[in-house]
Amino acid sequence: MSTLRIPHRAAVWVGSAASCLLAASQAVAHAKLEAAMPAADSTVDAPKVIQLHFSEAVEASLSRLKLAAGGDTAIAVAPMNDAKDPTTLSIRPIAALKPGTYTVTWSVVADDGHRTRGTYSFTVR
């Protein structure tokens, strides 16, 4: 009966390679949208603030939130980001939102440099 012997160097190499792969997979994690206010596909009274919360810190200076009415009419907004919470981006519509459907378009850059994008809609009653 023969037994398979793995040299010590090979075992160390395999262990090191596995550790590097695990670290690399964690390093390429992207900021994912975890919550939004108003929520996607919701019907709400006109919000005073639109807030998006991400799975990790984002670079506010490299990230954007846009608001559009009817899909393509840009709505003027002002940023309201809180430096104490780098996982959340907020905007405030300059004028009260009228009844209708609105689309939020976001583009964020995480601290690791990766950009993610998305859109969602909500309705104002």
N, C-alpha and C. Protein backbone atom coordinates (compact mmCIF):
# COMPACT_ATOMS: atom_id res chain seq x y z
N MET A 1 0.84 -1.18 0.00
CA MET A 1 0.00 0.00 0.00
C MET A 1 0.89 1.24 0.00
N SER A 2 0.59 2.17 -0.91
CA SER A 2 1.40 3.38 -0.97
C SER A 2 0.60 4.55 -0.43
N THR A 3 1.31 5.49 0.11
CA THR A 3 0.66 6.70 0.62
C THR A 3 1.20 7.89 -0.16
N LEU A 4 0.36 8.85 -0.34
CA LEU A 4 0.74 10.05 -1.06
C LEU A 4 1.32 11.04 -0.06
N ARG A 5 2.53 11.48 -0.34
CA ARG A 5 3.16 12.46 0.54
C ARG A 5 3.27 13.79 -0.20
N ILE A 6 2.78 14.81 0.43
CA ILE A 6 2.87 16.15 -0.16
C ILE A 6 4.03 16.86 0.54
N PRO A 7 5.01 17.27 -0.22
CA PRO A 7 6.14 17.98 0.39
C PRO A 7 5.65 19.22 1.13
N HIS A 8 6.38 19.55 2.17
CA HIS A 8 6.02 20.69 3.01
C HIS A 8 5.92 21.99 2.19
N ARG A 9 6.85 22.20 1.28
CA ARG A 9 6.82 23.42 0.46
C ARG A 9 5.54 23.50 -0.37
N ALA A 10 5.11 22.39 -0.92
CA ALA A 10 3.88 22.39 -1.72
C ALA A 10 2.67 22.73 -0.86
N ALA A 11 2.62 22.20 0.34
CA ALA A 11 1.50 22.49 1.23
C ALA A 11 1.47 23.97 1.60
N VAL A 12 2.64 24.53 1.86
CA VAL A 12 2.72 25.96 2.20
C VAL A 12 2.29 26.80 0.99
N TRP A 13 2.73 26.40 -0.22
CA TRP A 13 2.38 27.14 -1.43
C TRP A 13 0.87 27.11 -1.65
N VAL A 14 0.27 25.94 -1.51
CA VAL A 14 -1.18 25.81 -1.71
C VAL A 14 -1.93 26.66 -0.69
N GLY A 15 -1.48 26.63 0.56
CA GLY A 15 -2.12 27.45 1.59
C GLY A 15 -1.98 28.93 1.31
N SER A 16 -0.82 29.36 0.85
CA SER A 16 -0.60 30.77 0.52
C SER A 16 -1.46 31.20 -0.66
N ALA A 17 -1.53 30.34 -1.67
CA ALA A 17 -2.35 30.66 -2.84
C ALA A 17 -3.82 30.80 -2.45
N ALA A 18 -4.31 29.92 -1.62
CA ALA A 18 -5.70 30.00 -1.18
C ALA A 18 -5.96 31.28 -0.40
N SER A 19 -5.02 31.68 0.44
CA SER A 19 -5.17 32.93 1.20
C SER A 19 -5.21 34.14 0.28
N CYS A 20 -4.35 34.14 -0.74
CA CYS A 20 -4.33 35.25 -1.70
C CYS A 20 -5.64 35.34 -2.48
N LEU A 21 -6.16 34.20 -2.89
CA LEU A 21 -7.43 34.20 -3.62
C LEU A 21 -8.56 34.72 -2.76
N LEU A 22 -8.58 34.33 -1.49
CA LEU A 22 -9.61 34.81 -0.58
C LEU A 22 -9.50 36.32 -0.40
N ALA A 23 -8.29 36.81 -0.19
CA ALA A 23 -8.09 38.26 -0.01
C ALA A 23 -8.48 39.01 -1.28
N ALA A 24 -8.14 38.47 -2.44
CA ALA A 24 -8.48 39.13 -3.70
C ALA A 24 -9.99 39.18 -3.90
N SER A 25 -10.69 38.13 -3.55
CA SER A 25 -12.14 38.14 -3.73
C SER A 25 -12.80 39.16 -2.81
N GLN A 26 -12.24 39.37 -1.62
CA GLN A 26 -12.79 40.38 -0.72
C GLN A 26 -12.44 41.78 -1.19
N ALA A 27 -11.28 41.95 -1.83
CA ALA A 27 -10.84 43.26 -2.27
C ALA A 27 -11.66 43.78 -3.44
N VAL A 28 -12.27 42.91 -4.23
CA VAL A 28 -13.03 43.36 -5.37
C VAL A 28 -14.52 43.45 -5.07
N ALA A 29 -14.88 43.41 -3.82
CA ALA A 29 -16.28 43.58 -3.46
C ALA A 29 -16.71 44.98 -3.86
N HIS A 30 -17.91 45.10 -4.36
CA HIS A 30 -18.42 46.39 -4.81
C HIS A 30 -19.47 46.89 -3.82
N ALA A 31 -19.61 48.21 -3.78
CA ALA A 31 -20.66 48.80 -2.94
C ALA A 31 -22.01 48.45 -3.56
N LYS A 32 -22.84 47.78 -2.80
CA LYS A 32 -24.16 47.39 -3.28
C LYS A 32 -25.21 48.22 -2.54
N LEU A 33 -26.27 48.58 -3.27
CA LEU A 33 -27.36 49.32 -2.65
C LEU A 33 -28.09 48.39 -1.69
N GLU A 34 -28.14 48.76 -0.42
CA GLU A 34 -28.80 47.94 0.60
C GLU A 34 -30.19 48.46 0.95
N ALA A 35 -30.36 49.77 0.91
CA ALA A 35 -31.65 50.36 1.28
C ALA A 35 -31.80 51.72 0.62
N ALA A 36 -33.03 52.08 0.35
CA ALA A 36 -33.32 53.39 -0.24
C ALA A 36 -34.57 53.95 0.40
N MET A 37 -34.58 55.28 0.53
CA MET A 37 -35.75 55.98 1.05
C MET A 37 -36.02 57.16 0.13
N PRO A 38 -37.12 57.21 -0.57
CA PRO A 38 -38.19 56.21 -0.61
C PRO A 38 -37.70 54.89 -1.24
N ALA A 39 -38.36 53.82 -0.87
CA ALA A 39 -37.99 52.50 -1.37
C ALA A 39 -38.37 52.35 -2.85
N ALA A 40 -37.67 51.44 -3.50
CA ALA A 40 -37.97 51.14 -4.90
C ALA A 40 -39.41 50.67 -5.04
N ASP A 41 -40.07 51.16 -6.09
CA ASP A 41 -41.44 50.78 -6.43
C ASP A 41 -42.48 51.17 -5.38
N SER A 42 -42.13 52.10 -4.50
CA SER A 42 -43.08 52.52 -3.47
C SER A 42 -43.90 53.71 -3.95
N THR A 43 -45.02 53.95 -3.28
CA THR A 43 -45.84 55.14 -3.51
C THR A 43 -45.85 55.90 -2.20
N VAL A 44 -45.41 57.16 -2.25
CA VAL A 44 -45.19 57.95 -1.04
C VAL A 44 -45.69 59.37 -1.20
N ASP A 45 -45.82 60.07 -0.07
CA ASP A 45 -46.00 61.51 -0.13
C ASP A 45 -44.68 62.10 -0.59
N ALA A 46 -44.70 63.30 -1.10
CA ALA A 46 -43.48 63.92 -1.64
C ALA A 46 -42.36 63.91 -0.59
N PRO A 47 -41.26 63.20 -0.89
CA PRO A 47 -40.17 63.15 0.09
C PRO A 47 -39.37 64.45 0.09
N LYS A 48 -38.87 64.81 1.25
CA LYS A 48 -38.01 65.99 1.36
C LYS A 48 -36.55 65.62 1.11
N VAL A 49 -36.24 64.33 1.34
CA VAL A 49 -34.88 63.82 1.17
C VAL A 49 -34.95 62.45 0.50
N ILE A 50 -34.00 62.19 -0.37
CA ILE A 50 -33.85 60.86 -0.98
C ILE A 50 -32.51 60.34 -0.49
N GLN A 51 -32.54 59.16 0.11
CA GLN A 51 -31.36 58.64 0.78
C GLN A 51 -31.08 57.21 0.34
N LEU A 52 -29.83 56.93 -0.03
CA LEU A 52 -29.42 55.59 -0.43
C LEU A 52 -28.32 55.11 0.50
N HIS A 53 -28.46 53.88 0.98
CA HIS A 53 -27.48 53.28 1.90
C HIS A 53 -26.80 52.12 1.19
N PHE A 54 -25.47 52.10 1.21
CA PHE A 54 -24.68 51.09 0.51
C PHE A 54 -23.99 50.14 1.47
N SER A 55 -23.55 49.00 0.94
CA SER A 55 -22.95 47.94 1.75
C SER A 55 -21.55 48.30 2.26
N GLU A 56 -20.94 49.31 1.70
CA GLU A 56 -19.63 49.75 2.15
C GLU A 56 -19.48 51.24 1.87
N ALA A 57 -18.43 51.81 2.42
CA ALA A 57 -18.18 53.25 2.26
C ALA A 57 -18.00 53.60 0.79
N VAL A 58 -18.52 54.76 0.41
CA VAL A 58 -18.36 55.27 -0.95
C VAL A 58 -17.69 56.63 -0.90
N GLU A 59 -17.01 56.96 -1.99
CA GLU A 59 -16.35 58.26 -2.11
C GLU A 59 -17.39 59.26 -2.60
N ALA A 60 -17.89 60.10 -1.72
CA ALA A 60 -18.96 61.03 -2.07
C ALA A 60 -18.55 61.96 -3.22
N SER A 61 -17.29 62.38 -3.25
CA SER A 61 -16.85 63.31 -4.28
C SER A 61 -16.82 62.68 -5.68
N LEU A 62 -16.78 61.35 -5.75
CA LEU A 62 -16.75 60.65 -7.03
C LEU A 62 -18.08 59.96 -7.35
N SER A 63 -19.06 60.14 -6.48
CA SER A 63 -20.35 59.45 -6.62
C SER A 63 -21.44 60.45 -6.96
N ARG A 64 -22.50 59.96 -7.62
CA ARG A 64 -23.59 60.84 -8.06
C ARG A 64 -24.95 60.21 -7.81
N LEU A 65 -25.89 61.05 -7.40
CA LEU A 65 -27.30 60.68 -7.34
C LEU A 65 -28.03 61.68 -8.21
N LYS A 66 -28.88 61.19 -9.11
CA LYS A 66 -29.68 62.06 -9.97
C LYS A 66 -31.14 61.67 -9.81
N LEU A 67 -32.00 62.65 -10.00
CA LEU A 67 -33.44 62.43 -9.91
C LEU A 67 -34.08 62.95 -11.19
N ALA A 68 -34.98 62.15 -11.75
CA ALA A 68 -35.68 62.54 -12.98
C ALA A 68 -37.16 62.25 -12.83
N ALA A 69 -37.98 63.10 -13.44
CA ALA A 69 -39.43 62.91 -13.46
C ALA A 69 -39.80 62.35 -14.83
N GLY A 70 -40.74 61.42 -14.84
CA GLY A 70 -41.19 60.86 -16.11
C GLY A 70 -40.09 60.18 -16.89
N GLY A 71 -39.02 59.82 -16.23
CA GLY A 71 -37.94 59.08 -16.88
C GLY A 71 -36.81 59.92 -17.43
N ASP A 72 -37.08 61.17 -17.88
CA ASP A 72 -36.00 61.91 -18.52
C ASP A 72 -35.92 63.40 -18.19
N THR A 73 -36.85 63.93 -17.40
CA THR A 73 -36.80 65.34 -17.04
C THR A 73 -36.03 65.50 -15.73
N ALA A 74 -34.82 66.07 -15.82
CA ALA A 74 -33.97 66.21 -14.63
C ALA A 74 -34.63 67.11 -13.60
N ILE A 75 -34.53 66.71 -12.36
CA ILE A 75 -35.05 67.48 -11.22
C ILE A 75 -33.85 68.05 -10.48
N ALA A 76 -33.88 69.34 -10.20
CA ALA A 76 -32.78 69.99 -9.47
C ALA A 76 -32.74 69.47 -8.04
N VAL A 77 -31.55 69.08 -7.60
CA VAL A 77 -31.37 68.55 -6.24
C VAL A 77 -30.11 69.16 -5.63
N ALA A 78 -30.04 69.09 -4.32
CA ALA A 78 -28.85 69.51 -3.59
C ALA A 78 -28.33 68.32 -2.80
N PRO A 79 -27.01 68.10 -2.80
CA PRO A 79 -26.47 66.99 -2.00
C PRO A 79 -26.59 67.29 -0.51
N MET A 80 -26.81 66.26 0.26
CA MET A 80 -26.93 66.40 1.73
C MET A 80 -26.16 65.26 2.41
N ASN A 81 -24.96 65.00 1.97
CA ASN A 81 -24.22 63.87 2.50
C ASN A 81 -23.67 64.16 3.90
N ASP A 82 -23.69 63.13 4.74
CA ASP A 82 -23.20 63.23 6.10
C ASP A 82 -21.80 62.62 6.14
N ALA A 83 -20.79 63.44 6.41
CA ALA A 83 -19.40 62.96 6.44
C ALA A 83 -19.20 61.88 7.50
N LYS A 84 -20.07 61.82 8.49
CA LYS A 84 -19.94 60.80 9.55
C LYS A 84 -20.46 59.44 9.10
N ASP A 85 -21.17 59.38 7.98
CA ASP A 85 -21.72 58.12 7.48
C ASP A 85 -21.35 57.95 6.01
N PRO A 86 -20.16 57.42 5.73
CA PRO A 86 -19.70 57.29 4.34
C PRO A 86 -20.40 56.19 3.55
N THR A 87 -21.33 55.47 4.16
CA THR A 87 -22.07 54.43 3.44
C THR A 87 -23.40 54.95 2.90
N THR A 88 -23.72 56.21 3.18
CA THR A 88 -25.01 56.77 2.79
C THR A 88 -24.83 58.05 1.97
N LEU A 89 -25.59 58.13 0.88
CA LEU A 89 -25.65 59.35 0.07
C LEU A 89 -27.08 59.88 0.10
N SER A 90 -27.22 61.20 0.16
CA SER A 90 -28.55 61.82 0.22
C SER A 90 -28.61 63.03 -0.69
N ILE A 91 -29.80 63.26 -1.24
CA ILE A 91 -30.08 64.47 -2.01
C ILE A 91 -31.41 65.04 -1.55
N ARG A 92 -31.56 66.35 -1.75
CA ARG A 92 -32.81 67.04 -1.41
C ARG A 92 -33.31 67.73 -2.65
N PRO A 93 -34.54 67.40 -3.09
CA PRO A 93 -35.10 68.14 -4.23
C PRO A 93 -35.21 69.63 -3.88
N ILE A 94 -34.83 70.50 -4.80
CA ILE A 94 -34.88 71.94 -4.56
C ILE A 94 -36.34 72.39 -4.41
N ALA A 95 -37.23 71.85 -5.23
CA ALA A 95 -38.66 72.18 -5.16
C ALA A 95 -39.43 70.92 -4.74
N ALA A 96 -40.60 71.14 -4.15
CA ALA A 96 -41.43 70.00 -3.75
C ALA A 96 -41.78 69.15 -4.98
N LEU A 97 -41.73 67.84 -4.82
CA LEU A 97 -42.04 66.95 -5.93
C LEU A 97 -43.55 66.87 -6.14
N LYS A 98 -43.95 66.96 -7.39
CA LYS A 98 -45.37 66.86 -7.75
C LYS A 98 -45.74 65.40 -7.93
N PRO A 99 -47.03 65.08 -7.90
CA PRO A 99 -47.43 63.69 -8.13
C PRO A 99 -46.90 63.17 -9.47
N GLY A 100 -46.44 61.93 -9.46
CA GLY A 100 -45.90 61.31 -10.66
C GLY A 100 -44.85 60.28 -10.32
N THR A 101 -44.25 59.71 -11.35
CA THR A 101 -43.22 58.70 -11.18
C THR A 101 -41.85 59.35 -11.34
N TYR A 102 -40.94 58.99 -10.43
CA TYR A 102 -39.59 59.53 -10.42
C TYR A 102 -38.58 58.40 -10.49
N THR A 103 -37.46 58.68 -11.14
CA THR A 103 -36.39 57.70 -11.25
C THR A 103 -35.13 58.25 -10.58
N VAL A 104 -34.55 57.44 -9.71
CA VAL A 104 -33.28 57.77 -9.07
C VAL A 104 -32.20 56.98 -9.81
N THR A 105 -31.19 57.68 -10.28
CA THR A 105 -30.05 57.04 -10.93
C THR A 105 -28.84 57.30 -10.05
N TRP A 106 -28.11 56.24 -9.73
CA TRP A 106 -26.94 56.40 -8.88
C TRP A 106 -25.71 55.77 -9.50
N SER A 107 -24.59 56.37 -9.21
CA SER A 107 -23.29 55.88 -9.63
C SER A 107 -22.34 56.16 -8.48
N VAL A 108 -21.78 55.12 -7.88
CA VAL A 108 -20.91 55.31 -6.72
C VAL A 108 -19.56 54.64 -6.95
N VAL A 109 -18.56 55.21 -6.31
CA VAL A 109 -17.22 54.64 -6.30
C VAL A 109 -16.92 54.26 -4.86
N ALA A 110 -16.66 52.98 -4.66
CA ALA A 110 -16.34 52.48 -3.32
C ALA A 110 -14.91 52.87 -2.96
N ASP A 111 -14.58 52.73 -1.68
CA ASP A 111 -13.23 53.05 -1.23
C ASP A 111 -12.17 52.23 -1.96
N ASP A 112 -12.55 51.06 -2.48
CA ASP A 112 -11.58 50.23 -3.21
C ASP A 112 -11.42 50.67 -4.67
N GLY A 113 -12.15 51.72 -5.09
CA GLY A 113 -12.00 52.26 -6.44
C GLY A 113 -12.97 51.70 -7.47
N HIS A 114 -13.77 50.72 -7.11
CA HIS A 114 -14.70 50.12 -8.08
C HIS A 114 -16.00 50.92 -8.15
N ARG A 115 -16.48 51.14 -9.37
CA ARG A 115 -17.73 51.89 -9.60
C ARG A 115 -18.88 50.91 -9.81
N THR A 116 -20.01 51.23 -9.19
CA THR A 116 -21.25 50.49 -9.44
C THR A 116 -22.34 51.50 -9.74
N ARG A 117 -23.34 51.04 -10.51
CA ARG A 117 -24.42 51.92 -10.94
C ARG A 117 -25.75 51.22 -10.80
N GLY A 118 -26.80 52.02 -10.77
CA GLY A 118 -28.14 51.44 -10.76
C GLY A 118 -29.20 52.50 -10.84
N THR A 119 -30.43 52.06 -10.97
CA THR A 119 -31.59 52.96 -11.00
C THR A 119 -32.74 52.28 -10.28
N TYR A 120 -33.65 53.08 -9.81
CA TYR A 120 -34.91 52.57 -9.29
C TYR A 120 -35.93 53.69 -9.38
N SER A 121 -37.20 53.33 -9.28
CA SER A 121 -38.27 54.33 -9.38
C SER A 121 -39.16 54.28 -8.17
N PHE A 122 -39.81 55.40 -7.93
CA PHE A 122 -40.87 55.49 -6.91
C PHE A 122 -41.91 56.46 -7.43
N THR A 123 -43.08 56.44 -6.81
CA THR A 123 -44.19 57.29 -7.24
C THR A 123 -44.60 58.21 -6.10
N VAL A 124 -44.83 59.47 -6.44
CA VAL A 124 -45.36 60.45 -5.48
C VAL A 124 -46.85 60.56 -5.72
N ARG A 125 -47.64 60.42 -4.66
CA ARG A 125 -49.10 60.51 -4.79
C ARG A 125 -49.59 61.95 -4.69
